[in-house]
Amino acid sequence: VVEFSDYVTPNVSLAQGELFANSMQHAPYLAATLKKEPKFELVEAFKTVNFPMAIYSTKYKKVEDIPAGATIGIPNDPSNGARALLVLADKGFIEVKDKNDVSTSVASITKNPKNYKIQELDAASIPKAMGDLDIAVINANYALVAKLNPSKDSLLVERADNPFVNIFVTTKANEKDPRIEQLKKIYTSAENKKFIEDHFKGSITPAF
């Protein structure tokens, strides 16, 4: 197992044959990568886990208390920003052109009846900025670093059947390799599912 500190290098290394597979992204991120680098020829092997995005607040205990004109912090990168906007649309804060469009942006908002102010921030910095925000839409990995559990500390959690569940990725050349099937069998076993549920207690959930 090789660990990386960014989200770009793992796909580059995989495409160059330095890795057999990787587990660090969701399907929309992979699609965006392949749109930029079609020569990579990477494919989804199987689904792994869901890091549920959630809505948090240090100012309000209930959704009903959030006032009109409230400032909402969301990630400023296209992939996670779209995900946050789709969560807000799904929960009724705003309306967007297409609630299934993973390329949704602030420009896609069609209705904002309570005039919420959408503030785009670096995803990693949002937990630290919560004191300046009314509510914040935070990725699970950054929430966990800030000791926030999506299932316990949030006002609302992203629905489980969202398109942003994490996936195992390999090259098109290795797609039929029997080791991929072996990895899938081990990863999606009942034993591993129970471990994820028991160990992460709702902060990370199985997507298989």
Protein backbone atom coordinates (compact mmCIF):
# COMPACT_ATOMS: atom_id res chain seq x y z
CA VAL A 1 0.00 0.00 0.00
CA VAL A 2 1.38 3.41 -1.03
CA GLU A 3 0.03 6.59 0.54
CA PHE A 4 -0.20 9.90 -1.33
CA SER A 5 -0.74 13.39 0.05
CA ASP A 6 -2.69 14.76 -2.93
CA TYR A 7 -5.47 13.72 -5.30
CA VAL A 8 -3.63 14.15 -8.61
CA THR A 9 -0.55 11.92 -8.33
CA PRO A 10 -2.42 8.63 -7.65
CA ASN A 11 -4.14 8.73 -11.05
CA VAL A 12 -0.94 9.82 -12.81
CA SER A 13 0.98 6.96 -11.18
CA LEU A 14 -1.77 4.50 -12.04
CA ALA A 15 -1.85 5.59 -15.68
CA GLN A 16 1.96 5.30 -15.87
CA GLY A 17 1.87 1.73 -14.56
CA GLU A 18 3.47 2.49 -11.21
CA LEU A 19 0.32 1.30 -9.39
CA PHE A 20 -2.02 -1.62 -9.97
CA ALA A 21 -5.07 0.21 -8.61
CA ASN A 22 -6.00 3.11 -6.36
CA SER A 23 -8.71 3.97 -3.85
CA MET A 24 -9.01 7.74 -3.33
CA GLN A 25 -11.78 9.21 -5.47
CA HIS A 26 -15.41 9.14 -6.50
CA ALA A 27 -16.80 8.65 -10.01
CA PRO A 28 -17.33 12.38 -10.80
CA TYR A 29 -13.70 13.10 -9.91
CA LEU A 30 -12.52 10.24 -12.14
CA ALA A 31 -14.74 11.50 -14.98
CA ALA A 32 -13.28 15.00 -14.63
CA THR A 33 -9.76 13.56 -14.67
CA LEU A 34 -10.43 11.52 -17.81
CA LYS A 35 -11.99 14.53 -19.51
CA LYS A 36 -8.73 16.37 -18.91
CA GLU A 37 -6.47 13.36 -19.53
CA PRO A 38 -8.33 10.91 -21.86
CA LYS A 39 -5.10 9.01 -22.54
CA PHE A 40 -5.11 7.73 -18.95
CA GLU A 41 -7.70 5.01 -19.76
CA LEU A 42 -8.71 4.41 -16.14
CA VAL A 43 -11.89 2.55 -15.13
CA GLU A 44 -13.99 2.01 -12.02
CA ALA A 45 -13.49 -1.47 -10.57
CA PHE A 46 -15.98 -1.39 -7.69
CA LYS A 47 -17.52 0.87 -5.06
CA THR A 48 -15.87 1.12 -1.65
CA VAL A 49 -17.14 3.56 0.99
CA ASN A 50 -19.12 6.76 1.34
CA PHE A 51 -17.65 9.75 3.15
CA PRO A 52 -20.97 11.54 3.69
CA MET A 53 -20.92 15.29 3.25
CA ALA A 54 -23.01 17.03 5.89
CA ILE A 55 -24.30 20.42 7.03
CA TYR A 56 -22.92 21.72 10.32
CA SER A 57 -23.39 24.81 12.46
CA THR A 58 -21.91 26.21 15.66
CA LYS A 59 -24.71 28.78 15.85
CA TYR A 60 -27.90 26.78 15.31
CA LYS A 61 -29.11 23.50 16.77
CA LYS A 62 -32.07 23.04 14.41
CA VAL A 63 -32.57 23.66 10.70
CA GLU A 64 -35.72 25.62 11.49
CA ASP A 65 -33.63 28.22 13.35
CA ILE A 66 -31.46 29.11 10.34
CA PRO A 67 -32.51 32.64 9.32
CA ALA A 68 -33.10 34.07 5.86
CA GLY A 69 -29.94 35.64 4.48
CA ALA A 70 -27.72 33.18 6.36
CA THR A 71 -24.17 32.69 5.11
CA ILE A 72 -23.44 29.16 3.91
CA GLY A 73 -19.87 27.95 3.44
CA ILE A 74 -19.19 25.42 0.68
CA PRO A 75 -15.95 24.08 -0.90
CA ASN A 76 -14.54 26.19 -3.73
CA ASP A 77 -13.28 23.34 -5.92
CA PRO A 78 -15.67 22.28 -8.74
CA SER A 79 -16.21 18.66 -7.64
CA ASN A 80 -16.87 19.24 -3.95
CA GLY A 81 -18.60 22.56 -4.60
CA ALA A 82 -21.07 20.80 -6.87
CA ARG A 83 -21.57 18.10 -4.27
CA ALA A 84 -22.31 20.69 -1.57
CA LEU A 85 -24.80 22.54 -3.77
CA LEU A 86 -26.59 19.28 -4.56
CA VAL A 87 -26.83 18.54 -0.82
CA LEU A 88 -28.32 22.01 -0.24
CA ALA A 89 -30.76 21.49 -3.11
CA ASP A 90 -31.73 18.03 -1.89
CA LYS A 91 -32.43 19.44 1.59
CA GLY A 92 -34.54 22.31 0.24
CA PHE A 93 -32.27 25.30 0.87
CA ILE A 94 -31.99 26.17 -2.82
CA GLU A 95 -33.09 24.91 -6.21
CA VAL A 96 -30.72 24.09 -9.07
CA LYS A 97 -31.17 23.32 -12.77
CA ASP A 98 -30.61 19.59 -12.32
CA LYS A 99 -30.39 17.86 -8.92
CA ASN A 100 -28.43 15.03 -10.54
CA ASP A 101 -25.84 17.15 -12.35
CA VAL A 102 -22.44 16.57 -10.74
CA SER A 103 -21.06 19.66 -12.52
CA THR A 104 -23.51 21.98 -10.76
CA SER A 105 -22.07 25.39 -9.83
CA VAL A 106 -23.31 28.53 -8.09
CA ALA A 107 -24.40 29.72 -11.55
CA SER A 108 -26.76 26.70 -11.66
CA ILE A 109 -28.88 27.97 -8.75
CA THR A 110 -32.37 28.74 -10.08
CA LYS A 111 -34.10 29.63 -6.82
CA ASN A 112 -32.79 30.98 -3.53
CA PRO A 113 -36.02 32.15 -1.83
CA LYS A 114 -34.36 32.90 1.52
CA ASN A 115 -31.44 34.78 -0.07
CA TYR A 116 -28.77 32.58 1.45
CA LYS A 117 -25.26 33.92 0.84
CA ILE A 118 -23.10 31.15 -0.63
CA GLN A 119 -19.46 31.60 0.37
CA GLU A 120 -16.94 29.44 -1.48
CA LEU A 121 -13.89 28.50 0.60
CA ASP A 122 -11.04 26.04 0.47
CA ALA A 123 -12.57 22.75 1.62
CA ALA A 124 -9.91 22.12 4.27
CA SER A 125 -10.42 25.56 5.81
CA ILE A 126 -14.19 25.40 6.24
CA PRO A 127 -14.23 23.73 9.70
CA LYS A 128 -11.98 26.51 11.04
CA ALA A 129 -14.22 29.15 9.45
CA MET A 130 -17.44 27.89 11.05
CA GLY A 131 -17.46 30.74 13.58
CA ASP A 132 -17.83 33.19 10.69
CA LEU A 133 -20.52 31.15 8.94
CA ASP A 134 -24.11 30.40 9.84
CA ILE A 135 -23.90 26.89 8.40
CA ALA A 136 -21.17 24.97 6.59
CA VAL A 137 -21.23 22.06 4.17
CA ILE A 138 -18.16 19.98 5.02
CA ASN A 139 -16.53 16.90 3.48
CA ALA A 140 -16.35 13.95 5.88
CA ASN A 141 -12.54 13.74 5.81
CA TYR A 142 -12.18 17.36 6.95
CA ALA A 143 -15.04 17.00 9.41
CA LEU A 144 -13.31 14.02 11.02
CA VAL A 145 -10.07 16.00 11.42
CA ALA A 146 -12.14 18.66 13.20
CA LYS A 147 -13.64 15.91 15.40
CA LEU A 148 -17.09 16.23 13.81
CA ASN A 149 -19.05 13.04 13.11
CA PRO A 150 -21.56 13.41 10.24
CA SER A 151 -24.06 11.07 11.87
CA LYS A 152 -23.92 12.72 15.31
CA ASP A 153 -22.84 16.35 15.01
CA SER A 154 -24.50 17.58 11.83
CA LEU A 155 -27.85 19.20 11.17
CA LEU A 156 -28.38 17.20 7.99
CA VAL A 157 -26.47 14.44 6.20
CA GLU A 158 -26.15 13.74 2.48
CA ARG A 159 -28.39 10.92 1.27
CA ALA A 160 -26.72 7.50 1.08
CA ASP A 161 -27.47 6.94 -2.62
CA ASN A 162 -25.49 9.98 -3.76
CA PRO A 163 -23.23 9.75 -6.86
CA PHE A 164 -20.11 10.67 -4.86
CA VAL A 165 -19.37 7.33 -3.18
CA ASN A 166 -15.70 6.33 -3.37
CA ILE A 167 -14.52 3.79 -5.89
CA PHE A 168 -11.61 1.44 -6.55
CA VAL A 169 -9.97 2.35 -9.84
CA THR A 170 -7.61 0.46 -12.14
CA THR A 171 -6.43 0.70 -15.73
CA LYS A 172 -8.52 -0.51 -18.65
CA ALA A 173 -5.77 -3.05 -19.35
CA ASN A 174 -6.12 -4.52 -15.85
CA GLU A 175 -9.93 -4.37 -15.67
CA LYS A 176 -10.32 -8.15 -16.20
CA ASP A 177 -7.31 -9.12 -14.11
CA PRO A 178 -8.34 -11.85 -11.60
CA ARG A 179 -6.63 -9.89 -8.82
CA ILE A 180 -9.24 -7.15 -9.22
CA GLU A 181 -12.00 -9.69 -8.66
CA GLN A 182 -10.10 -11.00 -5.63
CA LEU A 183 -9.74 -7.46 -4.22
CA LYS A 184 -13.44 -6.84 -4.78
CA LYS A 185 -14.39 -10.10 -3.04
CA ILE A 186 -12.27 -9.23 0.01
CA TYR A 187 -13.24 -5.56 0.20
CA THR A 188 -16.97 -6.14 -0.22
CA SER A 189 -17.09 -9.07 2.20
CA ALA A 190 -19.57 -9.14 5.06
CA GLU A 191 -16.63 -9.13 7.46
CA ASN A 192 -15.21 -5.89 6.05
CA LYS A 193 -18.66 -4.28 5.94
CA LYS A 194 -19.13 -5.03 9.64
CA PHE A 195 -15.67 -3.64 10.41
CA ILE A 196 -16.44 -0.35 8.64
CA GLU A 197 -19.78 -0.01 10.42
CA ASP A 198 -18.36 -0.88 13.87
CA HIS A 199 -15.11 1.07 13.58
CA PHE A 200 -16.29 4.32 11.98
CA LYS A 201 -19.74 4.47 13.61
CA GLY A 202 -21.46 6.34 10.78
CA SER A 203 -18.67 8.76 9.91
CA ILE A 204 -17.76 6.52 6.97
CA THR A 205 -20.30 4.02 5.59
CA PRO A 206 -20.06 1.01 3.25
CA ALA A 207 -21.12 1.72 -0.33
CA PHE A 208 -21.51 -1.93 -1.35
